[in-house]
């Protein structure tokens, strides 16, 4: 039995719908991959910032410990974090 024109048209529409969905899925997959890459970059930046902060804190603690009359390092750090530290 030969397919009718309406049946062929319906099959064609269905194949276009499937193709459009596949294209959309590929685009979304690509978007997710890019988002994962950006997340990894952000996580690396946070790790670097935390390491720099840890080093700065250790330097501040050492400086306060070796200078007589210096205020406690945690007081200075709190002021720095609040933006009220004296230069």
PDB file of N, CA and C in Angstrom:
ATOM      1  N   UNK A   1       0.836  -1.170   0.000  1.00  0.00           N
ATOM      2  CA  UNK A   1       0.000   0.000   0.000  1.00  0.00           C
ATOM      3  C   UNK A   1       0.889   1.244   0.000  1.00  0.00           C
ATOM      4  N   UNK A   2       0.595   2.153  -0.876  1.00  0.00           N
ATOM      5  CA  UNK A   2       1.344   3.388  -1.018  1.00  0.00           C
ATOM      6  C   UNK A   2       0.838   4.400   0.005  1.00  0.00           C
ATOM      7  N   UNK A   3       1.772   5.073   0.714  1.00  0.00           N
ATOM      8  CA  UNK A   3       1.331   6.066   1.699  1.00  0.00           C
ATOM      9  C   UNK A   3       0.625   7.236   1.013  1.00  0.00           C
ATOM     10  N   UNK A   4      -0.330   7.777   1.690  1.00  0.00           N
ATOM     11  CA  UNK A   4      -1.078   8.915   1.149  1.00  0.00           C
ATOM     12  C   UNK A   4      -0.283  10.195   1.367  1.00  0.00           C
ATOM     13  N   UNK A   5      -0.656  11.215   0.622  1.00  0.00           N
ATOM     14  CA  UNK A   5       0.021  12.503   0.756  1.00  0.00           C
ATOM     15  C   UNK A   5      -0.091  13.054   2.175  1.00  0.00           C
ATOM     16  N   UNK A   6      -1.265  13.030   2.809  1.00  0.00           N
ATOM     17  CA  UNK A   6      -1.335  13.516   4.197  1.00  0.00           C
ATOM     18  C   UNK A   6      -0.429  12.719   5.146  1.00  0.00           C
ATOM     19  N   UNK A   7      -0.337  11.423   4.934  1.00  0.00           N
ATOM     20  CA  UNK A   7       0.529  10.603   5.786  1.00  0.00           C
ATOM     21  C   UNK A   7       1.994  10.978   5.577  1.00  0.00           C
ATOM     22  N   UNK A   8       2.363  11.208   4.313  1.00  0.00           N
ATOM     23  CA  UNK A   8       3.737  11.624   4.027  1.00  0.00           C
ATOM     24  C   UNK A   8       4.040  12.992   4.632  1.00  0.00           C
ATOM     25  N   UNK A   9       3.084  13.914   4.543  1.00  0.00           N
ATOM     26  CA  UNK A   9       3.266  15.241   5.133  1.00  0.00           C
ATOM     27  C   UNK A   9       3.422  15.150   6.649  1.00  0.00           C
ATOM     28  N   UNK A  10       2.623  14.307   7.261  1.00  0.00           N
ATOM     29  CA  UNK A  10       2.711  14.127   8.718  1.00  0.00           C
ATOM     30  C   UNK A  10       4.068  13.542   9.104  1.00  0.00           C
ATOM     31  N   UNK A  11       4.536  12.591   8.327  1.00  0.00           N
ATOM     32  CA  UNK A  11       5.847  11.993   8.585  1.00  0.00           C
ATOM     33  C   UNK A  11       6.954  13.041   8.420  1.00  0.00           C
ATOM     34  N   UNK A  12       6.823  13.888   7.407  1.00  0.00           N
ATOM     35  CA  UNK A  12       7.792  14.956   7.180  1.00  0.00           C
ATOM     36  C   UNK A  12       7.797  15.947   8.345  1.00  0.00           C
ATOM     37  N   UNK A  13       6.601  16.335   8.809  1.00  0.00           N
ATOM     38  CA  UNK A  13       6.508  17.247   9.963  1.00  0.00           C
ATOM     39  C   UNK A  13       7.145  16.622  11.200  1.00  0.00           C
ATOM     40  N   UNK A  14       6.863  15.355  11.402  1.00  0.00           N
ATOM     41  CA  UNK A  14       7.419  14.660  12.565  1.00  0.00           C
ATOM     42  C   UNK A  14       8.945  14.625  12.490  1.00  0.00           C
ATOM     43  N   UNK A  15       9.487  14.368  11.301  1.00  0.00           N
ATOM     44  CA  UNK A  15      10.948  14.316  11.172  1.00  0.00           C
ATOM     45  C   UNK A  15      11.562  15.697  11.405  1.00  0.00           C
ATOM     46  N   UNK A  16      10.873  16.758  10.967  1.00  0.00           N
ATOM     47  CA  UNK A  16      11.364  18.120  11.217  1.00  0.00           C
ATOM     48  C   UNK A  16      11.297  18.447  12.706  1.00  0.00           C
ATOM     49  N   UNK A  17      10.237  17.997  13.366  1.00  0.00           N
ATOM     50  CA  UNK A  17      10.106  18.225  14.806  1.00  0.00           C
ATOM     51  C   UNK A  17      11.220  17.505  15.558  1.00  0.00           C
ATOM     52  N   UNK A  18      11.482  16.277  15.160  1.00  0.00           N
ATOM     53  CA  UNK A  18      12.550  15.510  15.803  1.00  0.00           C
ATOM     54  C   UNK A  18      13.888  16.203  15.580  1.00  0.00           C
ATOM     55  N   UNK A  19      14.125  16.650  14.359  1.00  0.00           N
ATOM     56  CA  UNK A  19      15.376  17.332  14.033  1.00  0.00           C
ATOM     57  C   UNK A  19      15.512  18.627  14.847  1.00  0.00           C
ATOM     58  N   UNK A  20      14.425  19.377  14.949  1.00  0.00           N
ATOM     59  CA  UNK A  20      14.456  20.622  15.723  1.00  0.00           C
ATOM     60  C   UNK A  20      14.746  20.330  17.191  1.00  0.00           C
ATOM     61  N   UNK A  21      14.160  19.277  17.708  1.00  0.00           N
ATOM     62  CA  UNK A  21      14.417  18.909  19.105  1.00  0.00           C
ATOM     63  C   UNK A  21      15.860  18.458  19.298  1.00  0.00           C
ATOM     64  N   UNK A  22      16.389  17.728  18.339  1.00  0.00           N
ATOM     65  CA  UNK A  22      17.787  17.310  18.421  1.00  0.00           C
ATOM     66  C   UNK A  22      18.713  18.530  18.402  1.00  0.00           C
ATOM     67  N   UNK A  23      18.413  19.475  17.516  1.00  0.00           N
ATOM     68  CA  UNK A  23      19.218  20.698  17.451  1.00  0.00           C
ATOM     69  C   UNK A  23      19.157  21.468  18.769  1.00  0.00           C
ATOM     70  N   UNK A  24      17.955  21.567  19.331  1.00  0.00           N
ATOM     71  CA  UNK A  24      17.791  22.260  20.604  1.00  0.00           C
ATOM     72  C   UNK A  24      18.560  21.541  21.715  1.00  0.00           C
ATOM     73  N   UNK A  25      18.486  20.223  21.724  1.00  0.00           N
ATOM     74  CA  UNK A  25      19.211  19.442  22.722  1.00  0.00           C
ATOM     75  C   UNK A  25      20.720  19.652  22.586  1.00  0.00           C
ATOM     76  N   UNK A  26      21.212  19.664  21.353  1.00  0.00           N
ATOM     77  CA  UNK A  26      22.637  19.906  21.132  1.00  0.00           C
ATOM     78  C   UNK A  26      23.039  21.296  21.627  1.00  0.00           C
ATOM     79  N   UNK A  27      22.201  22.285  21.359  1.00  0.00           N
ATOM     80  CA  UNK A  27      22.492  23.650  21.814  1.00  0.00           C
ATOM     81  C   UNK A  27      22.499  23.723  23.340  1.00  0.00           C
ATOM     82  N   UNK A  28      21.509  23.091  23.964  1.00  0.00           N
ATOM     83  CA  UNK A  28      21.444  23.104  25.432  1.00  0.00           C
ATOM     84  C   UNK A  28      22.645  22.372  26.027  1.00  0.00           C
ATOM     85  N   UNK A  29      23.045  21.278  25.408  1.00  0.00           N
ATOM     86  CA  UNK A  29      24.217  20.542  25.878  1.00  0.00           C
ATOM     87  C   UNK A  29      25.460  21.420  25.788  1.00  0.00           C
ATOM     88  N   UNK A  30      25.580  22.138  24.684  1.00  0.00           N
ATOM     89  CA  UNK A  30      26.701  23.066  24.508  1.00  0.00           C
ATOM     90  C   UNK A  30      26.662  24.166  25.573  1.00  0.00           C
ATOM     91  N   UNK A  31      25.473  24.702  25.840  1.00  0.00           N
ATOM     92  CA  UNK A  31      25.323  25.739  26.867  1.00  0.00           C
ATOM     93  C   UNK A  31      25.731  25.217  28.242  1.00  0.00           C
ATOM     94  N   UNK A  32      25.336  23.989  28.544  1.00  0.00           N
ATOM     95  CA  UNK A  32      25.689  23.386  29.837  1.00  0.00           C
ATOM     96  C   UNK A  32      27.201  23.196  29.930  1.00  0.00           C
ATOM     97  N   UNK A  33      27.811  22.745  28.851  1.00  0.00           N
ATOM     98  CA  UNK A  33      29.267  22.568  28.851  1.00  0.00           C
ATOM     99  C   UNK A  33      29.983  23.894  29.086  1.00  0.00           C
ATOM    100  N   UNK A  34      29.514  24.955  28.443  1.00  0.00           N
ATOM    101  CA  UNK A  34      30.113  26.283  28.651  1.00  0.00           C
ATOM    102  C   UNK A  34      29.916  26.740  30.092  1.00  0.00           C
ATOM    103  N   UNK A  35      28.729  26.482  30.640  1.00  0.00           N
ATOM    104  CA  UNK A  35      28.460  26.869  32.032  1.00  0.00           C
ATOM    105  C   UNK A  35      29.372  26.100  32.988  1.00  0.00           C
ATOM    106  N   UNK A  36      29.605  24.835  32.705  1.00  0.00           N
ATOM    107  CA  UNK A  36      30.513  24.043  33.541  1.00  0.00           C
ATOM    108  C   UNK A  36      31.927  24.609  33.481  1.00  0.00           C
ATOM    109  N   UNK A  37      32.346  25.017  32.282  1.00  0.00           N
ATOM    110  CA  UNK A  37      33.676  25.615  32.141  1.00  0.00           C
ATOM    111  C   UNK A  37      33.781  26.908  32.941  1.00  0.00           C
ATOM    112  N   UNK A  38      32.747  27.751  32.858  1.00  0.00           N
ATOM    113  CA  UNK A  38      32.756  29.010  33.613  1.00  0.00           C
ATOM    114  C   UNK A  38      32.751  28.738  35.115  1.00  0.00           C
ATOM    115  N   UNK A  39      32.004  27.732  35.537  1.00  0.00           N
ATOM    116  CA  UNK A  39      31.978  27.371  36.954  1.00  0.00           C
ATOM    117  C   UNK A  39      33.361  26.914  37.415  1.00  0.00           C
ATOM    118  N   UNK A  40      34.020  26.099  36.617  1.00  0.00           N
ATOM    119  CA  UNK A  40      35.362  25.631  36.974  1.00  0.00           C
ATOM    120  C   UNK A  40      36.331  26.806  37.076  1.00  0.00           C
ATOM    121  N   UNK A  41      36.226  27.761  36.147  1.00  0.00           N
ATOM    122  CA  UNK A  41      37.082  28.949  36.204  1.00  0.00           C
ATOM    123  C   UNK A  41      36.800  29.763  37.464  1.00  0.00           C
ATOM    124  N   UNK A  42      35.538  29.910  37.812  1.00  0.00           N
ATOM    125  CA  UNK A  42      35.170  30.661  39.018  1.00  0.00           C
ATOM    126  C   UNK A  42      35.675  29.949  40.272  1.00  0.00           C
ATOM    127  N   UNK A  43      35.560  28.629  40.294  1.00  0.00           N
ATOM    128  CA  UNK A  43      36.050  27.877  41.444  1.00  0.00           C
ATOM    129  C   UNK A  43      37.565  28.035  41.589  1.00  0.00           C
ATOM    130  N   UNK A  44      38.275  28.020  40.467  1.00  0.00           N
ATOM    131  CA  UNK A  44      39.726  28.234  40.515  1.00  0.00           C
ATOM    132  C   UNK A  44      40.055  29.625  41.050  1.00  0.00           C
ATOM    133  N   UNK A  45      39.307  30.621  40.606  1.00  0.00           N
ATOM    134  CA  UNK A  45      39.535  31.992  41.076  1.00  0.00           C
ATOM    135  C   UNK A  45      39.287  32.091  42.577  1.00  0.00           C
ATOM    136  N   UNK A  46      38.256  31.426  43.059  1.00  0.00           N
ATOM    137  CA  UNK A  46      37.964  31.440  44.496  1.00  0.00           C
ATOM    138  C   UNK A  46      39.087  30.750  45.266  1.00  0.00           C
ATOM    139  N   UNK A  47      39.560  29.623  44.748  1.00  0.00           N
ATOM    140  CA  UNK A  47      40.664  28.927  45.421  1.00  0.00           C
ATOM    141  C   UNK A  47      41.912  29.815  45.497  1.00  0.00           C
ATOM    142  N   UNK A  48      42.208  30.497  44.392  1.00  0.00           N
ATOM    143  CA  UNK A  48      43.373  31.396  44.394  1.00  0.00           C
ATOM    144  C   UNK A  48      43.180  32.529  45.397  1.00  0.00           C
ATOM    145  N   UNK A  49      41.984  33.110  45.421  1.00  0.00           N
ATOM    146  CA  UNK A  49      41.709  34.215  46.352  1.00  0.00           C
ATOM    147  C   UNK A  49      41.826  33.744  47.800  1.00  0.00           C
ATOM    148  N   UNK A  50      41.317  32.557  48.081  1.00  0.00           N
ATOM    149  CA  UNK A  50      41.421  32.029  49.444  1.00  0.00           C
ATOM    150  C   UNK A  50      42.878  31.775  49.826  1.00  0.00           C
ATOM    151  N   UNK A  51      43.655  31.272  48.887  1.00  0.00           N
ATOM    152  CA  UNK A  51      45.077  31.038  49.164  1.00  0.00           C
ATOM    153  C   UNK A  51      45.798  32.364  49.410  1.00  0.00           C
ATOM    154  N   UNK A  52      45.474  33.384  48.610  1.00  0.00           N
ATOM    155  CA  UNK A  52      46.085  34.703  48.812  1.00  0.00           C
ATOM    156  C   UNK A  52      45.684  35.281  50.162  1.00  0.00           C
ATOM    157  N   UNK A  53      44.425  35.100  50.534  1.00  0.00           N
ATOM    158  CA  UNK A  53      43.960  35.610  51.830  1.00  0.00           C
ATOM    159  C   UNK A  53      44.675  34.889  52.971  1.00  0.00           C
ATOM    160  N   UNK A  54      44.838  33.586  52.818  1.00  0.00           N
ATOM    161  CA  UNK A  54      45.520  32.811  53.853  1.00  0.00           C
ATOM    162  C   UNK A  54      46.966  33.297  54.014  1.00  0.00           C
ATOM    163  N   UNK A  55      47.625  33.561  52.893  1.00  0.00           N
ATOM    164  CA  UNK A  55      48.995  34.071  52.936  1.00  0.00           C
ATOM    165  C   UNK A  55      49.035  35.455  53.573  1.00  0.00           C
ATOM    166  N   UNK A  56      48.108  36.315  53.180  1.00  0.00           N
ATOM    167  CA  UNK A  56      48.062  37.670  53.745  1.00  0.00           C
ATOM    168  C   UNK A  56      47.789  37.620  55.241  1.00  0.00           C
ATOM    169  N   UNK A  57      46.913  36.727  55.649  1.00  0.00           N
ATOM    170  CA  UNK A  57      46.610  36.591  57.074  1.00  0.00           C
ATOM    171  C   UNK A  57      47.851  36.124  57.834  1.00  0.00           C
ATOM    172  N   UNK A  58      48.560  35.158  57.280  1.00  0.00           N
ATOM    173  CA  UNK A  58      49.777  34.671  57.935  1.00  0.00           C
ATOM    174  C   UNK A  58      50.821  35.782  58.025  1.00  0.00           C
ATOM    175  N   UNK A  59      50.949  36.574  56.955  1.00  0.00           N
ATOM    176  CA  UNK A  59      51.890  37.704  56.981  1.00  0.00           C
ATOM    177  C   UNK A  59      51.495  38.721  58.050  1.00  0.00           C
ATOM    178  N   UNK A  60      50.203  39.029  58.132  1.00  0.00           N
ATOM    179  CA  UNK A  60      49.718  39.982  59.129  1.00  0.00           C
ATOM    180  C   UNK A  60      49.946  39.453  60.539  1.00  0.00           C
ATOM    181  N   UNK A  61      49.649  38.186  60.735  1.00  0.00           N
ATOM    182  CA  UNK A  61      49.843  37.581  62.050  1.00  0.00           C
ATOM    183  C   UNK A  61      51.320  37.617  62.447  1.00  0.00           C
ATOM    184  N   UNK A  62      52.198  37.309  61.505  1.00  0.00           N
ATOM    185  CA  UNK A  62      53.635  37.326  61.794  1.00  0.00           C
ATOM    186  C   UNK A  62      54.115  38.741  62.082  1.00  0.00           C
ATOM    187  N   UNK A  63      53.635  39.710  61.320  1.00  0.00           N
ATOM    188  CA  UNK A  63      54.043  41.100  61.541  1.00  0.00           C
ATOM    189  C   UNK A  63      53.590  41.586  62.910  1.00  0.00           C
ATOM    190  N   UNK A  64      52.371  41.243  63.297  1.00  0.00           N
ATOM    191  CA  UNK A  64      51.864  41.666  64.613  1.00  0.00           C
ATOM    192  C   UNK A  64      52.631  40.984  65.741  1.00  0.00           C
ATOM    193  N   UNK A  65      53.034  39.755  65.512  1.00  0.00           N
ATOM    194  CA  UNK A  65      53.748  39.013  66.551  1.00  0.00           C
ATOM    195  C   UNK A  65      55.173  39.522  66.735  1.00  0.00           C
ATOM    196  N   UNK A  66      55.766  40.075  65.686  1.00  0.00           N
ATOM    197  CA  UNK A  66      57.171  40.489  65.777  1.00  0.00           C
ATOM    198  C   UNK A  66      57.351  41.968  66.084  1.00  0.00           C
ATOM    199  N   UNK A  67      56.276  42.746  66.068  1.00  0.00           N
ATOM    200  CA  UNK A  67      56.382  44.173  66.364  1.00  0.00           C
ATOM    201  C   UNK A  67      55.800  44.450  67.746  1.00  0.00           C
ATOM    202  N   UNK A  68      56.637  44.926  68.662  1.00  0.00           N
ATOM    203  CA  UNK A  68      56.140  45.204  70.008  1.00  0.00           C
ATOM    204  C   UNK A  68      55.066  46.294  69.973  1.00  0.00           C
ATOM    205  N   UNK A  69      54.032  46.096  70.744  1.00  0.00           N
ATOM    206  CA  UNK A  69      52.959  47.083  70.847  1.00  0.00           C
ATOM    207  C   UNK A  69      51.959  47.038  69.708  1.00  0.00           C
ATOM    208  N   UNK A  70      52.104  46.104  68.793  1.00  0.00           N
ATOM    209  CA  UNK A  70      51.156  46.005  67.673  1.00  0.00           C
ATOM    210  C   UNK A  70      49.819  45.473  68.177  1.00  0.00           C
ATOM    211  N   UNK A  71      48.771  45.948  67.547  1.00  0.00           N
ATOM    212  CA  UNK A  71      47.449  45.445  67.919  1.00  0.00           C
ATOM    213  C   UNK A  71      47.311  43.988  67.473  1.00  0.00           C
ATOM    214  N   UNK A  72      46.370  43.266  68.070  1.00  0.00           N
ATOM    215  CA  UNK A  72      46.161  41.876  67.648  1.00  0.00           C
ATOM    216  C   UNK A  72      45.798  41.812  66.155  1.00  0.00           C
ATOM    217  N   UNK A  73      46.343  40.826  65.475  1.00  0.00           N
ATOM    218  CA  UNK A  73      46.148  40.711  64.034  1.00  0.00           C
ATOM    219  C   UNK A  73      44.680  40.571  63.665  1.00  0.00           C
ATOM    220  N   UNK A  74      43.894  39.893  64.505  1.00  0.00           N
ATOM    221  CA  UNK A  74      42.480  39.691  64.152  1.00  0.00           C
ATOM    222  C   UNK A  74      41.703  41.003  64.202  1.00  0.00           C
ATOM    223  N   UNK A  75      42.121  41.947  65.063  1.00  0.00           N
ATOM    224  CA  UNK A  75      41.475  43.272  65.070  1.00  0.00           C
ATOM    225  C   UNK A  75      41.757  44.017  63.767  1.00  0.00           C
ATOM    226  N   UNK A  76      43.006  43.949  63.336  1.00  0.00           N
ATOM    227  CA  UNK A  76      43.391  44.626  62.093  1.00  0.00           C
ATOM    228  C   UNK A  76      42.680  43.980  60.902  1.00  0.00           C
ATOM    229  N   UNK A  77      42.648  42.654  60.900  1.00  0.00           N
ATOM    230  CA  UNK A  77      41.979  41.941  59.800  1.00  0.00           C
ATOM    231  C   UNK A  77      40.502  42.318  59.728  1.00  0.00           C
ATOM    232  N   UNK A  78      39.849  42.407  60.867  1.00  0.00           N
ATOM    233  CA  UNK A  78      38.433  42.790  60.901  1.00  0.00           C
ATOM    234  C   UNK A  78      38.241  44.177  60.311  1.00  0.00           C
ATOM    235  N   UNK A  79      39.114  45.094  60.662  1.00  0.00           N
ATOM    236  CA  UNK A  79      39.020  46.449  60.109  1.00  0.00           C
ATOM    237  C   UNK A  79      39.248  46.450  58.603  1.00  0.00           C
ATOM    238  N   UNK A  80      40.201  45.660  58.156  1.00  0.00           N
ATOM    239  CA  UNK A  80      40.474  45.574  56.715  1.00  0.00           C
ATOM    240  C   UNK A  80      39.241  45.046  55.987  1.00  0.00           C
ATOM    241  N   UNK A  81      38.649  44.000  56.521  1.00  0.00           N
ATOM    242  CA  UNK A  81      37.475  43.402  55.876  1.00  0.00           C
ATOM    243  C   UNK A  81      36.288  44.361  55.862  1.00  0.00           C
ATOM    244  N   UNK A  82      36.199  45.194  56.863  1.00  0.00           N
ATOM    245  CA  UNK A  82      35.111  46.185  56.915  1.00  0.00           C
ATOM    246  C   UNK A  82      35.446  47.434  56.111  1.00  0.00           C
ATOM    247  N   UNK A  83      36.703  47.572  55.707  1.00  0.00           N
ATOM    248  CA  UNK A  83      37.118  48.733  54.927  1.00  0.00           C
ATOM    249  C   UNK A  83      37.456  49.938  55.769  1.00  0.00           C
ATOM    250  N   UNK A  84      37.768  49.729  57.062  1.00  0.00           N
ATOM    251  CA  UNK A  84      38.047  50.849  57.962  1.00  0.00           C
ATOM    252  C   UNK A  84      39.487  50.864  58.459  1.00  0.00           C
ATOM    253  N   UNK A  85      40.356  50.139  57.814  1.00  0.00           N
ATOM    254  CA  UNK A  85      41.727  50.055  58.318  1.00  0.00           C
ATOM    255  C   UNK A  85      42.518  51.300  57.945  1.00  0.00           C
ATOM    256  N   UNK A  86      43.393  51.679  58.855  1.00  0.00           N
ATOM    257  CA  UNK A  86      44.316  52.781  58.568  1.00  0.00           C
ATOM    258  C   UNK A  86      45.446  52.226  57.708  1.00  0.00           C
ATOM    259  N   UNK A  87      45.911  53.024  56.761  1.00  0.00           N
ATOM    260  CA  UNK A  87      47.011  52.529  55.913  1.00  0.00           C
ATOM    261  C   UNK A  87      48.301  52.392  56.700  1.00  0.00           C
TER     262      UNK A  87
END
